[in-house]
Protein backbone atom coordinates (compact mmCIF):
# COMPACT_ATOMS: atom_id res chain seq x y z
CA MET A 1 75.92 -5.10 -21.89
CA LEU A 2 74.61 -3.45 -18.74
CA LYS A 3 72.77 -0.81 -20.78
CA THR A 4 71.08 -3.52 -22.81
CA ARG A 5 69.94 -5.31 -19.66
CA ASP A 6 68.60 -2.06 -18.17
CA ARG A 7 66.60 -1.42 -21.33
CA LEU A 8 65.16 -4.93 -21.17
CA LEU A 9 64.21 -4.50 -17.50
CA ARG A 10 62.55 -1.15 -18.20
CA THR A 11 60.63 -2.67 -21.11
CA GLU A 12 59.51 -5.61 -18.95
CA ASN A 13 58.44 -3.31 -16.10
CA SER A 14 56.51 -1.19 -18.58
CA HIS A 15 54.67 -4.28 -19.84
CA LEU A 16 53.91 -5.34 -16.26
CA THR A 17 52.58 -1.87 -15.40
CA HIS A 18 50.41 -1.88 -18.50
CA GLN A 19 49.10 -5.36 -17.64
CA SER A 20 48.34 -4.27 -14.07
CA GLU A 21 46.44 -1.24 -15.34
CA MET A 22 44.48 -3.41 -17.76
CA LEU A 23 43.66 -5.91 -15.02
CA LEU A 24 42.50 -3.08 -12.74
CA PHE A 25 40.36 -1.63 -15.52
CA LEU A 26 38.80 -5.02 -16.30
CA SER A 27 38.18 -5.68 -12.60
CA LEU A 28 36.39 -2.35 -12.22
CA LEU A 29 34.39 -3.00 -15.38
CA LEU A 30 33.31 -6.42 -14.13
CA PHE A 31 32.48 -5.00 -10.69
CA CYS A 32 30.29 -2.27 -12.17
CA SER A 33 28.60 -4.80 -14.44
CA SER A 34 27.88 -7.08 -11.50
CA LEU A 35 26.36 -4.18 -9.58
CA GLU A 36 24.09 -3.42 -12.51
CA GLY A 37 23.20 -7.09 -12.93
CA ASN A 38 22.47 -7.52 -9.24
CA LYS A 39 20.20 -4.47 -8.98
CA ILE A 40 17.56 -5.29 -6.38
CA PRO A 41 14.04 -5.13 -7.83
CA ILE A 42 11.30 -3.09 -6.15
CA SER A 43 9.34 -5.17 -3.62
CA CYS A 44 7.40 -5.16 -0.36
CA TYR A 45 9.71 -5.78 2.62
CA ASN A 46 9.34 -7.17 6.13
CA ASP A 47 10.94 -6.03 9.39
CA ASN A 48 14.00 -8.20 8.73
CA GLY A 49 14.77 -6.47 5.46
CA GLU A 50 13.62 -9.45 3.40
CA ALA A 51 11.62 -9.03 0.20
CA VAL A 52 8.13 -10.51 0.64
CA ASP A 53 5.23 -11.25 -1.70
CA TRP A 54 2.68 -9.43 0.48
CA PHE A 55 2.01 -8.13 3.95
CA TYR A 56 -0.66 -6.57 6.16
CA LEU A 57 0.28 -3.95 8.75
CA TYR A 58 -2.05 -2.76 11.51
CA LYS A 59 -0.83 0.47 13.11
CA LEU A 60 -2.40 0.48 16.58
CA PRO A 61 -3.95 3.63 18.08
CA LYS A 62 -2.61 5.36 21.15
CA GLU A 63 -3.57 3.38 24.21
CA HIS A 64 -5.34 5.59 26.73
CA GLY A 65 -3.41 6.06 29.97
CA ARG A 66 -0.03 5.17 28.41
CA LYS A 67 2.62 7.88 27.93
CA SER A 68 5.38 5.93 26.18
CA ILE A 69 7.35 8.04 23.69
CA GLU A 70 6.49 5.50 20.99
CA GLU A 71 2.83 5.26 21.94
CA GLY A 72 0.74 5.40 18.79
CA GLU A 73 3.64 4.17 16.63
CA LYS A 74 3.36 0.46 17.46
CA TYR A 75 2.04 -1.95 14.86
CA LEU A 76 1.15 -5.56 14.16
CA PHE A 77 2.58 -7.30 11.11
CA LEU A 78 1.47 -10.30 9.07
CA GLU A 79 3.22 -11.53 5.93
CA LYS A 80 2.76 -14.42 3.55
CA GLY A 81 3.67 -17.68 5.31
CA SER A 82 3.27 -16.36 8.85
CA GLU A 83 0.82 -17.79 11.38
CA GLY A 84 -0.83 -14.59 12.57
CA TRP A 85 -0.11 -11.12 13.89
CA ALA A 86 3.39 -10.44 15.19
CA ASP A 87 4.50 -7.30 17.01
CA GLY A 88 6.41 -4.86 14.83
CA LYS A 89 10.10 -4.90 15.70
CA VAL A 90 10.46 -1.10 15.59
CA SER A 91 8.17 1.93 15.49
CA VAL A 92 6.16 2.71 12.37
CA ASN A 93 8.35 5.80 11.95
CA ASP A 94 11.56 3.75 11.73
CA THR A 95 13.25 3.45 8.33
CA THR A 96 14.32 -0.13 9.17
CA GLY A 97 10.74 -1.36 9.73
CA ALA A 98 8.58 -3.02 7.09
CA LEU A 99 6.83 0.19 6.09
CA GLY A 100 10.01 2.26 6.20
CA ARG A 101 11.97 -0.24 4.10
CA THR A 102 9.15 -0.64 1.58
CA VAL A 103 8.20 3.01 1.02
CA GLY A 104 11.80 4.07 1.64
CA GLN A 105 12.80 2.59 -1.72
CA LEU A 106 11.22 5.67 -3.29
CA TYR A 107 13.83 7.95 -1.70
CA THR A 108 16.92 5.85 -2.42
CA GLN A 109 16.59 5.72 -6.20
CA THR A 110 19.31 7.53 -8.14
CA LYS A 111 18.33 10.11 -10.71
CA ASN A 112 19.08 7.82 -13.63
CA THR A 113 17.36 4.76 -12.18
CA GLU A 114 14.40 3.72 -14.29
CA VAL A 115 11.49 3.60 -11.88
CA ALA A 116 7.94 4.91 -11.98
CA TYR A 117 5.88 6.00 -9.00
CA ILE A 118 2.53 7.50 -8.07
CA LEU A 119 1.63 8.87 -4.64
CA TYR A 120 -2.03 9.64 -4.06
CA ASN A 121 -4.00 10.72 -1.02
CA ASP A 122 -7.23 12.66 -0.56
CA GLN A 123 -5.34 14.40 2.29
CA ARG A 124 -1.93 15.24 0.83
CA PRO A 125 1.16 15.93 2.97
CA PRO A 126 1.88 19.61 3.71
CA LYS A 127 3.63 21.48 0.91
CA GLY A 128 5.95 23.28 3.30
CA VAL A 129 7.28 23.12 6.83
CA SER A 130 4.93 25.92 7.88
CA ASP A 131 1.85 24.09 6.61
CA ARG A 132 -0.54 22.83 9.25
CA TRP A 133 -2.08 19.40 9.20
CA LEU A 134 -5.25 20.57 7.54
CA ASP A 135 -7.92 18.39 5.99
CA ASP A 136 -7.65 19.61 2.41
CA GLY A 137 -9.76 16.76 1.10
CA ASP A 138 -11.02 17.40 -2.42
CA SER A 139 -14.51 15.91 -2.62
CA SER A 140 -14.36 15.91 -6.42
CA ARG A 141 -11.60 13.28 -6.29
CA GLY A 142 -11.67 9.79 -4.86
CA HIS A 143 -11.38 9.07 -1.15
CA THR A 144 -8.26 7.05 -1.90
CA LYS A 145 -4.79 6.59 -0.44
CA GLY A 146 -1.89 4.62 -1.82
CA VAL A 147 1.60 4.23 -3.23
CA VAL A 148 2.59 2.62 -6.54
CA LEU A 149 6.32 2.06 -7.14
CA LEU A 150 7.81 -0.14 -9.87
CA ASP A 151 10.81 -0.81 -12.05
CA LYS A 152 10.80 -2.62 -15.38
CA GLU A 153 10.60 -6.02 -13.70
CA GLN A 154 8.19 -5.65 -10.79
CA GLY A 155 6.93 -3.34 -8.08
CA PHE A 156 4.42 -2.92 -5.27
CA TRP A 157 1.00 -1.39 -4.70
CA LEU A 158 0.46 -0.19 -1.14
CA VAL A 159 -3.15 0.66 -0.20
CA HIS A 160 -3.61 2.39 3.15
CA SER A 161 -5.73 4.69 5.31
CA THR A 162 -3.21 7.25 6.63
CA PRO A 163 -3.67 10.96 5.88
CA HIS A 164 -0.65 13.04 4.79
CA PHE A 165 1.38 9.94 3.91
CA PRO A 166 3.95 9.38 2.50
CA PRO A 167 6.29 12.36 1.93
CA VAL A 168 6.95 13.50 -1.63
CA GLN A 169 9.98 11.98 -3.35
CA LYS A 170 11.96 15.22 -3.15
CA GLU A 171 11.85 15.04 0.66
CA GLY A 172 14.62 12.48 0.25
CA GLN A 173 13.68 10.31 3.20
CA TYR A 174 10.87 8.26 4.71
CA TYR A 175 8.97 9.34 7.79
CA TYR A 176 5.55 8.69 9.28
CA PRO A 177 3.34 11.75 9.84
CA SER A 178 2.45 12.89 13.34
CA SER A 179 -1.16 13.24 12.17
CA GLY A 180 -1.33 9.47 11.75
CA VAL A 181 -0.25 8.60 15.28
CA ASN A 182 -3.38 8.94 17.43
CA ASN A 183 -5.69 6.59 15.53
CA GLY A 184 -5.42 3.07 14.16
CA GLN A 185 -4.41 2.70 10.50
CA ASN A 186 -4.17 -0.20 8.04
CA PHE A 187 -1.83 -1.05 5.18
CA ILE A 188 -1.77 -3.82 2.59
CA CYS A 189 1.30 -4.18 0.38
CA VAL A 190 1.48 -6.62 -2.54
CA THR A 191 4.42 -7.25 -4.86
CA TYR A 192 3.28 -7.59 -8.46
CA PRO A 193 5.08 -8.38 -11.72
CA LEU A 194 5.33 -5.53 -14.24
CA GLU A 195 2.42 -6.76 -16.36
CA ARG A 196 -0.08 -6.20 -13.52
CA PHE A 197 0.50 -2.46 -13.32
CA GLN A 198 -1.48 -1.59 -16.43
CA THR A 199 -4.54 -3.10 -14.72
CA ILE A 200 -3.70 -1.27 -11.49
CA GLY A 201 -3.54 1.96 -13.48
CA GLU A 202 -6.97 1.25 -14.93
CA GLN A 203 -8.36 0.72 -11.42
CA LEU A 204 -6.91 4.06 -10.35
CA GLN A 205 -8.49 5.75 -13.35
CA ILE A 206 -11.88 4.58 -12.07
CA ASN A 207 -11.05 5.80 -8.54
CA GLN A 208 -10.06 9.30 -9.75
CA PRO A 209 -7.40 9.66 -7.03
CA LYS A 210 -5.84 12.90 -5.87
CA VAL A 211 -2.24 12.44 -7.04
CA TYR A 212 0.19 14.80 -5.29
CA ASP A 213 3.50 13.40 -6.58
CA CYS A 214 4.35 11.13 -9.48
CA ASP A 215 6.83 10.32 -12.20
CA VAL A 216 6.15 7.85 -15.00
CA PRO A 217 9.08 8.25 -17.43
CA GLU A 218 8.59 8.02 -21.18
CA SER A 219 10.28 4.62 -21.16
CA PHE A 220 7.31 3.31 -19.13
CA ALA A 221 4.57 4.94 -21.22
CA ALA A 222 4.17 2.02 -23.63
CA LEU A 223 4.43 -0.53 -20.81
CA VAL A 224 1.88 0.99 -18.42
CA PRO A 225 -0.09 3.64 -20.37
CA ALA A 226 -2.87 3.73 -17.76
CA LEU A 227 -0.40 4.68 -15.01
CA ALA A 228 1.15 7.26 -17.32
CA ALA A 229 -2.34 8.73 -17.87
CA VAL A 230 -3.01 8.91 -14.12
CA CYS A 231 0.26 10.79 -13.59
CA LYS A 232 -0.31 13.08 -16.57
CA LYS A 233 -3.79 13.92 -15.36
CA ALA A 234 -2.35 14.93 -11.98
CA HIS A 235 -0.78 17.92 -13.72
CA SER A 236 -4.05 18.91 -15.39
CA SER A 237 -7.06 20.79 -14.01
CA ASN A 238 -9.38 18.39 -15.83
CA HIS A 239 -10.53 15.66 -13.43
CA LEU A 240 -11.67 13.30 -16.15
CA PHE A 241 -9.68 10.84 -18.22
CA PRO A 242 -10.79 11.56 -21.80
CA HIS A 243 -9.26 8.39 -23.24
CA ALA A 244 -10.61 6.08 -20.50
CA LYS A 245 -13.93 4.31 -20.77
CA ALA A 246 -16.65 5.68 -18.49
CA VAL A 247 -16.77 2.86 -15.94
CA SER A 248 -18.56 3.37 -12.63
CA ASN A 249 -17.03 0.30 -10.96
CA ARG A 250 -14.92 -2.72 -11.77
CA SER A 251 -13.51 -5.75 -9.95
CA VAL A 252 -10.41 -7.54 -11.22
CA THR A 253 -8.20 -10.37 -10.03
CA LEU A 254 -4.62 -9.28 -9.45
CA THR A 255 -2.13 -12.13 -9.07
CA SER A 256 0.95 -11.36 -7.00
CA LYS A 257 4.48 -12.13 -8.09
CA GLU A 258 4.40 -15.47 -6.26
CA GLY A 259 0.89 -16.43 -7.36
CA THR A 260 -1.55 -15.23 -4.69
CA ASP A 261 -4.86 -14.02 -6.13
CA PHE A 262 -6.27 -10.76 -4.77
CA ILE A 263 -9.50 -9.09 -5.91
CA SER A 264 -9.37 -5.34 -6.43
CA PHE A 265 -12.67 -3.43 -6.20
CA ALA A 266 -12.62 0.10 -7.63
CA LYS A 267 -15.61 2.44 -7.78
CA GLY A 268 -15.96 5.93 -9.18
CA ALA A 269 -18.23 8.79 -8.16
CA SER A 270 -20.90 7.69 -10.62
CA PHE A 271 -21.34 4.41 -8.72
CA ASP A 272 -23.24 6.50 -6.16
CA ASN A 273 -23.67 3.75 -3.58
CA ASP A 274 -22.05 2.04 -0.61
CA LEU A 275 -19.07 -0.06 -1.68
CA TYR A 276 -19.60 -2.84 0.87
CA HIS A 277 -23.33 -3.57 1.01
CA SER A 278 -24.25 -2.87 -2.59
CA TRP A 279 -21.28 -4.54 -4.23
CA VAL A 280 -18.55 -6.32 -2.25
CA ALA A 281 -20.89 -8.45 -0.08
CA PRO A 282 -23.03 -9.80 -2.97
CA PHE A 283 -19.96 -10.25 -5.18
CA LEU A 284 -18.15 -12.31 -2.53
CA GLN A 285 -21.43 -13.97 -1.50
CA SER A 286 -20.62 -13.14 2.10
CA ASP A 287 -21.91 -11.05 4.98
CA LEU A 288 -19.36 -8.50 6.19
CA LEU A 289 -18.20 -6.84 9.40
CA VAL A 290 -16.83 -3.43 8.44
CA GLN A 291 -14.39 -1.21 10.34
CA PHE A 292 -14.21 2.40 9.12
CA TRP A 293 -13.88 5.97 10.37
CA VAL A 294 -17.11 6.59 12.26
CA ARG A 295 -16.26 10.15 13.33
CA SER A 296 -17.70 11.65 10.18
CA THR A 297 -21.10 12.93 9.11
CA GLY A 298 -23.75 10.81 7.43
CA VAL A 299 -22.41 7.48 8.71
CA LEU A 300 -24.31 4.53 7.21
CA ARG A 301 -25.88 2.25 9.80
CA SER A 302 -25.60 -1.51 9.68
CA ASP A 303 -27.61 -2.82 6.73
CA CYS A 304 -29.27 -6.24 6.68
CA SER A 305 -31.42 -5.72 3.57
CA LYS A 306 -31.27 -7.52 0.22
CA GLY A 307 -30.05 -10.75 1.77
CA TRP A 308 -26.69 -9.48 3.11
CA ARG A 309 -25.76 -8.46 6.64
CA VAL A 310 -23.17 -5.67 6.62
CA LEU A 311 -22.52 -4.71 10.24
CA ASP A 312 -20.52 -1.74 11.52
CA VAL A 313 -17.76 -2.71 13.96
CA GLN A 314 -17.85 -0.83 17.27
CA LEU A 315 -15.23 -2.45 19.49
CA LEU A 316 -11.88 -4.01 18.48
CA SER A 317 -8.83 -5.80 19.78
CA PRO A 318 -6.40 -6.72 16.96
CA GLY A 319 -4.01 -9.41 18.14
CA LYS A 320 -5.63 -9.13 21.60
CA ARG A 321 -3.02 -6.48 22.53
CA PHE A 322 -5.60 -4.06 23.97
CA THR A 323 -9.21 -3.11 23.33
CA PHE A 324 -10.36 0.14 21.76
CA LYS A 325 -13.42 1.68 20.14
CA ALA A 326 -13.99 2.07 16.40
CA SER A 327 -13.86 5.83 16.96
CA GLN A 328 -10.12 5.40 17.67
CA ASP A 329 -9.48 3.57 14.41
CA HIS A 330 -9.11 5.30 11.04
CA SER A 331 -8.67 1.95 9.24
CA LYS A 332 -11.05 0.80 6.51
CA TRP A 333 -11.35 -2.99 6.40
CA ALA A 334 -13.99 -5.70 6.18
CA VAL A 335 -14.05 -9.35 7.17
CA SER A 336 -16.46 -12.25 6.67
CA PRO A 337 -18.21 -13.23 9.94
CA GLN A 338 -17.76 -16.91 9.07
CA GLY A 339 -14.96 -18.85 7.44
CA THR A 340 -15.51 -21.20 4.53
CA GLY A 341 -14.56 -24.78 3.80
CA GLN A 342 -12.36 -23.73 0.95
CA GLY A 343 -9.86 -21.05 0.03
CA GLY A 344 -6.19 -20.40 0.62
CA ARG A 345 -4.16 -22.26 3.21
CA GLY A 346 -6.79 -24.57 4.60
CA GLY A 347 -9.89 -22.42 4.17
CA GLY A 348 -10.96 -19.09 5.57
CA GLY A 349 -13.25 -16.19 4.98
CA TRP A 350 -12.59 -12.95 3.15
CA VAL A 351 -10.57 -9.96 4.33
CA CYS A 352 -10.69 -6.65 2.46
CA VAL A 353 -8.43 -3.67 3.21
CA GLY A 354 -9.03 -0.37 1.47
CA ASP A 355 -9.40 3.37 1.68
CA ILE A 356 -13.11 4.28 1.72
CA ASN A 357 -15.66 4.64 4.53
CA ARG A 358 -19.34 3.89 4.91
CA ASN A 359 -20.98 7.31 4.81
CA GLU A 360 -23.33 9.21 2.55
CA ALA A 361 -20.71 11.57 1.11
CA GLU A 362 -18.37 8.75 0.12
CA GLU A 363 -21.12 6.93 -1.75
CA LYS A 364 -20.53 9.69 -4.30
CA ARG A 365 -16.73 9.45 -4.31
CA GLY A 366 -14.23 7.04 -5.79
CA GLY A 367 -12.51 4.48 -3.62
CA GLY A 368 -11.91 0.80 -3.26
CA THR A 369 -10.65 -2.20 -1.39
CA VAL A 370 -8.39 -5.21 -1.99
CA CYS A 371 -9.70 -8.60 -0.87
CA LEU A 372 -8.05 -11.93 -0.12
CA GLN A 373 -9.39 -15.30 0.97
CA ASP A 374 -6.82 -16.79 3.32
CA ALA A 375 -7.36 -18.66 6.59
CA VAL A 376 -4.54 -17.00 8.54
CA VAL A 377 -5.34 -13.46 7.42
CA TRP A 378 -9.06 -14.05 8.00
CA LYS A 379 -8.49 -15.27 11.56
CA ALA A 380 -6.26 -12.28 12.33
CA TYR A 381 -8.96 -9.80 11.31
CA ARG A 382 -11.99 -11.80 12.40
CA THR A 383 -10.80 -12.12 15.98
CA ALA A 384 -10.16 -8.37 16.06
CA ALA A 385 -13.87 -7.53 15.73
CA LEU A 386 -15.53 -7.86 19.16
CA GLU A 387 -18.75 -5.83 19.12
CA CYS A 388 -20.86 -4.60 16.22
CA GLU A 389 -23.99 -2.61 15.61
CA GLY A 390 -26.80 -5.10 14.96
CA CYS A 391 -29.45 -4.95 12.24
CA ASP A 392 -31.78 -2.93 14.48
CA GLY A 393 -29.12 -0.59 15.90
CA GLU A 394 -28.43 -2.62 19.04
CA THR A 395 -24.95 -3.65 20.17
CA VAL A 396 -24.19 -7.31 19.50
CA GLN A 397 -21.24 -9.65 19.58
CA CYS A 398 -19.75 -9.59 16.10
């Protein structure tokens, strides 16, 4: 009788153990499935770690006379829904800041994660620790700088002005280059749905960028063939895209994930003219104040011909934090002198942030800019421009 009861108890315990193991297995299976289902899509991020539709970031130059350890790494930040420039909460080199969180997604992807990326810069990062910060600009490629990162749902396109940025994916971590500290720099990040990236790839084909790191897996080739072609061409000595139409310039509307319309202007070398005066100003039907790197040869003077006033900015104060000369700012942006009675969020003029300067050499190189009509963004950039070069070379209030 006792033996029978022992056998029954052992059988019952065995069933309980088996049930516990099954429950543990099912729990782990459900947990792994939930992790896969809750995979966070690629996006632009703000300083609080929140995904945002778009942002502008103005990295301020070193302020003369200041010796703070973070001098030259401070920035202003403006995102969709904000009311103007806000001080960055950390340094531009911090992985928890907007730029660090956004670009940092490139270095946190696992090997099997399905993402595509393209890093391009006419001044690539150094290939090794011993490399110096040399200007290895290739004049046969576009004067372009940017990051494209996407999954099969969405992604971001970051257009900027910083040399040697960002690190290649194999570096394994985000950091901001020391060569980008002294001068001002600009960034525009927009989150786009997957279907926009074919058009973005076509714009890059026109730009002929210098791609220094990329990976567009086969699973993306049919989804974004233009991006795949840009990446493939990076591994070829041929600078031309044989399957792309010979287009000297093109403007397209790119609608963000949440519905904001941006206009992308892309020109190739064959355009052979100034981006701003010959194209952007007449297209937008607006005069422009343009900030660009003036410490280069063949700088184009302010141009008031053909009905459009395109004036070179000389003195700035973004967010009224401090005042500095255009020679301290490597940014490339343009703003309408006057607002309009229509446009996003109560009216405003145009703001364009890009990667090309106003000089003779860059008339013959690819490059572009991304423009938005928004009252808050316009005010942030318009109030930054204090003094400009007038139509006759004199200094005037912008």
